[in-house]
């Protein structure tokens, strides 16, 4: 009876059914792991550190061994990027301003191109990753998603890369759950990919309830939500 109840819950929640007999998901050639912004600035000691951000590194390293296809992303900003609070007189980090493409959260200076803060975390070890997408390098527009910049028109080219290789199932991990991970997963769905966020391979900023909002938006869009133990 308990197993039947768990089966019903999994079906209603849209989650993979796990049993003690093995893993639910074995990634194939049509699957890719998208590792989002695991960079020094977003981990402890960084200028925009996500709490426990470095805890995702060993989880992602282990996960990556199950994927033939791995894509990494990097935030990659100019020193005078429009998303930096330092570029707006009288503004502080985590406030907002209106820009031509919409409301922009202002951040501490972070991930300035070519700096140590923009580098991938030194313990991240995925030697078989095939592609690094650098985003946010246009001074006047931010970019959370691995697919589209915040103006919602400028593409990074990731969708074309994945389509050319027949990749349809995306598993998203990294930093931060409620910003770059969520935007990447949501855009993946809009572009016709299957998208699943690996919850314990992510950490969140959670700014003014942004984490709960992100999970709700992802659920509504059909983004899956699993833990790393589901993959093997």
Protein backbone atom coordinates (compact mmCIF):
# COMPACT_ATOMS: atom_id res chain seq x y z
CA UNK A 1 0.00 0.00 0.00
CA UNK A 2 2.81 2.43 0.88
CA UNK A 3 4.47 1.83 -2.49
CA UNK A 4 1.16 2.39 -4.29
CA UNK A 5 0.71 5.69 -2.42
CA UNK A 6 4.21 6.78 -3.43
CA UNK A 7 3.49 5.76 -7.02
CA UNK A 8 0.30 7.83 -7.05
CA UNK A 9 2.10 10.83 -5.55
CA UNK A 10 4.87 10.61 -8.14
CA UNK A 11 2.38 10.41 -10.97
CA UNK A 12 0.40 13.40 -9.70
CA UNK A 13 3.54 15.46 -9.13
CA UNK A 14 5.01 14.61 -12.51
CA UNK A 15 8.10 13.13 -10.87
CA UNK A 16 10.01 10.01 -11.88
CA UNK A 17 9.10 7.00 -9.77
CA UNK A 18 12.12 5.75 -7.84
CA UNK A 19 12.43 2.33 -6.27
CA UNK A 20 15.17 0.66 -4.27
CA UNK A 21 16.01 -1.53 -7.28
CA UNK A 22 17.94 1.13 -9.21
CA UNK A 23 18.05 4.54 -10.77
CA UNK A 24 15.14 5.99 -12.72
CA UNK A 25 17.09 7.87 -15.40
CA UNK A 26 19.96 6.79 -17.62
CA UNK A 27 20.95 9.73 -19.85
CA UNK A 28 21.35 8.83 -23.51
CA UNK A 29 22.79 10.50 -26.59
CA UNK A 30 19.76 12.80 -26.71
CA UNK A 31 20.47 14.17 -23.21
CA UNK A 32 22.78 16.91 -21.99
CA UNK A 33 23.85 18.27 -18.63
CA UNK A 34 23.82 22.08 -18.56
CA UNK A 35 26.10 23.35 -15.78
CA UNK A 36 25.23 26.98 -15.05
CA UNK A 37 27.70 29.56 -13.71
CA UNK A 38 29.72 27.53 -11.21
CA UNK A 39 32.18 30.40 -10.88
CA UNK A 40 34.33 31.87 -8.15
CA UNK A 41 32.20 35.00 -7.73
CA UNK A 42 29.16 32.87 -6.90
CA UNK A 43 30.85 30.64 -4.33
CA UNK A 44 31.99 31.47 -0.77
CA UNK A 45 34.45 34.35 -0.77
CA UNK A 46 33.12 35.71 -4.05
CA UNK A 47 31.58 39.13 -4.59
CA UNK A 48 28.11 37.66 -5.19
CA UNK A 49 28.45 34.48 -3.17
CA UNK A 50 25.50 32.10 -3.10
CA UNK A 51 25.16 30.40 0.28
CA UNK A 52 26.81 26.96 0.12
CA UNK A 53 27.42 27.53 -3.59
CA UNK A 54 30.55 25.40 -3.52
CA UNK A 55 28.51 22.43 -2.25
CA UNK A 56 27.22 21.86 -5.78
CA UNK A 57 30.70 21.15 -7.15
CA UNK A 58 31.15 17.51 -6.01
CA UNK A 59 27.54 16.73 -6.91
CA UNK A 60 27.98 18.11 -10.42
CA UNK A 61 31.33 16.39 -10.89
CA UNK A 62 29.72 13.05 -10.04
CA UNK A 63 26.67 13.73 -12.21
CA UNK A 64 28.76 14.66 -15.22
CA UNK A 65 30.15 11.14 -15.46
CA UNK A 66 26.70 9.94 -16.51
CA UNK A 67 26.45 12.36 -19.45
CA UNK A 68 28.21 12.16 -22.80
CA UNK A 69 27.05 15.72 -23.53
CA UNK A 70 27.94 18.52 -21.12
CA UNK A 71 27.68 22.28 -21.64
CA UNK A 72 29.07 24.85 -19.19
CA UNK A 73 28.01 28.49 -18.89
CA UNK A 74 29.88 31.50 -17.53
CA UNK A 75 28.66 34.93 -16.56
CA UNK A 76 31.09 37.19 -18.44
CA UNK A 77 30.58 40.90 -17.84
CA UNK A 78 32.31 44.08 -18.90
CA UNK A 79 33.75 46.14 -16.01
CA UNK A 80 31.03 48.77 -16.54
CA UNK A 81 28.12 46.38 -17.01
CA UNK A 82 24.62 47.83 -16.73
CA UNK A 83 23.61 45.25 -14.11
CA UNK A 84 26.21 46.50 -11.62
CA UNK A 85 24.88 48.80 -8.91
CA UNK A 86 28.19 50.66 -9.08
CA UNK A 87 27.16 51.98 -12.51
CA UNK A 88 23.99 53.68 -11.21
CA UNK A 89 24.46 56.74 -9.02
CA UNK A 90 22.73 56.45 -5.66
CA UNK A 91 21.78 52.78 -6.16
CA UNK A 92 22.71 49.83 -3.97
CA UNK A 93 23.06 46.13 -4.79
CA UNK A 94 19.79 44.17 -4.88
CA UNK A 95 17.72 47.21 -5.75
CA UNK A 96 16.08 47.53 -9.16
CA UNK A 97 16.09 49.99 -12.05
CA UNK A 98 14.05 50.23 -15.23
CA UNK A 99 15.99 49.58 -18.43
CA UNK A 100 14.76 49.44 -22.05
CA UNK A 101 14.24 45.68 -21.79
CA UNK A 102 12.45 45.76 -18.41
CA UNK A 103 13.18 45.75 -14.69
CA UNK A 104 16.78 44.97 -13.84
CA UNK A 105 18.00 43.74 -10.47
CA UNK A 106 21.25 45.50 -9.58
CA UNK A 107 24.12 43.33 -8.42
CA UNK A 108 27.53 43.83 -6.86
CA UNK A 109 30.27 43.88 -9.49
CA UNK A 110 30.86 40.24 -10.37
CA UNK A 111 32.25 37.90 -13.01
CA UNK A 112 34.16 40.62 -14.83
CA UNK A 113 35.58 39.04 -17.96
CA UNK A 114 39.12 37.76 -17.62
CA UNK A 115 39.26 38.05 -13.83
CA UNK A 116 39.71 35.31 -11.26
CA UNK A 117 36.15 35.88 -10.08
CA UNK A 118 34.82 34.98 -13.51
CA UNK A 119 36.80 31.74 -13.66
CA UNK A 120 35.10 28.41 -13.16
CA UNK A 121 35.42 27.02 -9.64
CA UNK A 122 38.84 25.32 -9.40
CA UNK A 123 37.37 22.07 -8.08
CA UNK A 124 34.90 21.75 -10.96
CA UNK A 125 36.25 18.82 -12.95
CA UNK A 126 34.43 18.02 -16.19
CA UNK A 127 37.19 17.42 -18.76
CA UNK A 128 34.76 16.08 -21.35
CA UNK A 129 32.59 19.22 -21.48
CA UNK A 130 32.23 20.16 -25.14
CA UNK A 131 31.10 23.78 -25.00
CA UNK A 132 31.31 26.88 -22.79
CA UNK A 133 28.61 29.51 -23.30
CA UNK A 134 29.68 32.97 -22.11
CA UNK A 135 26.77 35.28 -21.44
CA UNK A 136 26.23 38.84 -20.30
CA UNK A 137 29.18 40.26 -22.21
CA UNK A 138 27.13 42.98 -23.91
CA UNK A 139 27.48 46.00 -21.63
CA UNK A 140 23.89 47.22 -21.97
CA UNK A 141 21.92 44.03 -21.35
CA UNK A 142 22.05 41.35 -18.67
CA UNK A 143 21.80 37.65 -19.38
CA UNK A 144 20.60 35.02 -16.94
CA UNK A 145 19.55 32.35 -19.42
CA UNK A 146 21.97 30.14 -21.32
CA UNK A 147 19.72 30.59 -24.37
CA UNK A 148 18.58 34.23 -24.52
CA UNK A 149 19.79 37.50 -23.08
CA UNK A 150 17.45 39.58 -20.94
CA UNK A 151 16.23 41.57 -23.94
CA UNK A 152 14.62 38.24 -24.95
CA UNK A 153 15.81 38.58 -28.55
CA UNK A 154 19.59 38.09 -28.51
CA UNK A 155 20.39 34.38 -28.69
CA UNK A 156 23.54 32.71 -27.42
CA UNK A 157 23.44 29.97 -30.07
CA UNK A 158 22.95 27.17 -27.55
CA UNK A 159 19.63 26.01 -29.00
CA UNK A 160 21.17 25.63 -32.46
CA UNK A 161 24.10 23.70 -31.03
CA UNK A 162 21.82 21.28 -29.19
CA UNK A 163 19.44 20.83 -32.11
CA UNK A 164 22.30 20.08 -34.50
CA UNK A 165 23.31 17.19 -32.24
CA UNK A 166 19.84 15.77 -31.72
CA UNK A 167 19.81 16.68 -28.04
CA UNK A 168 16.27 17.06 -26.69
CA UNK A 169 16.51 16.34 -22.94
CA UNK A 170 18.27 18.87 -20.74
CA UNK A 171 19.26 18.45 -17.11
CA UNK A 172 20.16 21.77 -15.49
CA UNK A 173 22.44 22.28 -12.47
CA UNK A 174 24.44 25.13 -10.99
CA UNK A 175 23.99 28.65 -9.64
CA UNK A 176 21.69 30.17 -8.81
CA UNK A 177 18.46 28.15 -8.77
CA UNK A 178 16.16 31.17 -8.79
CA UNK A 179 17.96 33.18 -11.46
CA UNK A 180 20.26 31.70 -14.09
CA UNK A 181 19.20 28.07 -13.55
CA UNK A 182 15.49 28.93 -13.65
CA UNK A 183 15.77 31.22 -16.67
CA UNK A 184 17.75 28.55 -18.52
CA UNK A 185 15.20 25.83 -17.73
CA UNK A 186 12.24 28.05 -18.65
CA UNK A 187 13.80 29.07 -21.95
CA UNK A 188 14.60 25.44 -22.70
CA UNK A 189 10.90 24.63 -22.39
CA UNK A 190 9.90 27.61 -24.54
CA UNK A 191 12.28 26.39 -27.22
CA UNK A 192 10.79 22.90 -27.20
CA UNK A 193 13.30 20.97 -25.10
CA UNK A 194 12.51 18.73 -22.17
CA UNK A 195 14.01 20.36 -19.09
CA UNK A 196 14.69 19.04 -15.61
CA UNK A 197 16.40 20.83 -12.73
CA UNK A 198 18.56 18.69 -10.45
CA UNK A 199 17.66 20.26 -7.13
CA UNK A 200 20.59 19.20 -4.95
CA UNK A 201 23.04 20.23 -7.68
CA UNK A 202 21.84 23.86 -7.34
CA UNK A 203 21.80 26.57 -4.70
CA UNK A 204 19.67 29.73 -4.59
CA UNK A 205 20.05 33.42 -3.80
CA UNK A 206 16.39 33.62 -2.63
CA UNK A 207 15.94 37.38 -2.93
CA UNK A 208 12.52 38.51 -1.64
CA UNK A 209 10.88 35.13 -2.22
CA UNK A 210 12.51 34.56 -5.59
CA UNK A 211 13.15 30.86 -4.96
CA UNK A 212 9.52 29.89 -4.35
CA UNK A 213 8.47 32.01 -7.31
CA UNK A 214 11.03 30.34 -9.56
CA UNK A 215 9.96 26.83 -8.58
CA UNK A 216 6.31 27.73 -9.20
CA UNK A 217 7.08 29.19 -12.62
CA UNK A 218 9.16 26.17 -13.58
CA UNK A 219 6.46 23.74 -12.46
CA UNK A 220 3.84 25.64 -14.47
CA UNK A 221 6.08 25.46 -17.54
CA UNK A 222 6.56 21.71 -17.25
CA UNK A 223 10.12 21.76 -15.93
CA UNK A 224 10.93 18.59 -14.01
CA UNK A 225 12.50 18.58 -10.55
CA UNK A 226 14.63 15.69 -9.34
CA UNK A 227 17.59 14.92 -7.12
CA UNK A 228 20.94 13.64 -8.29
CA UNK A 229 20.24 10.14 -6.94
CA UNK A 230 17.67 9.77 -9.72
CA UNK A 231 20.41 9.65 -12.36
CA UNK A 232 22.71 6.72 -12.86
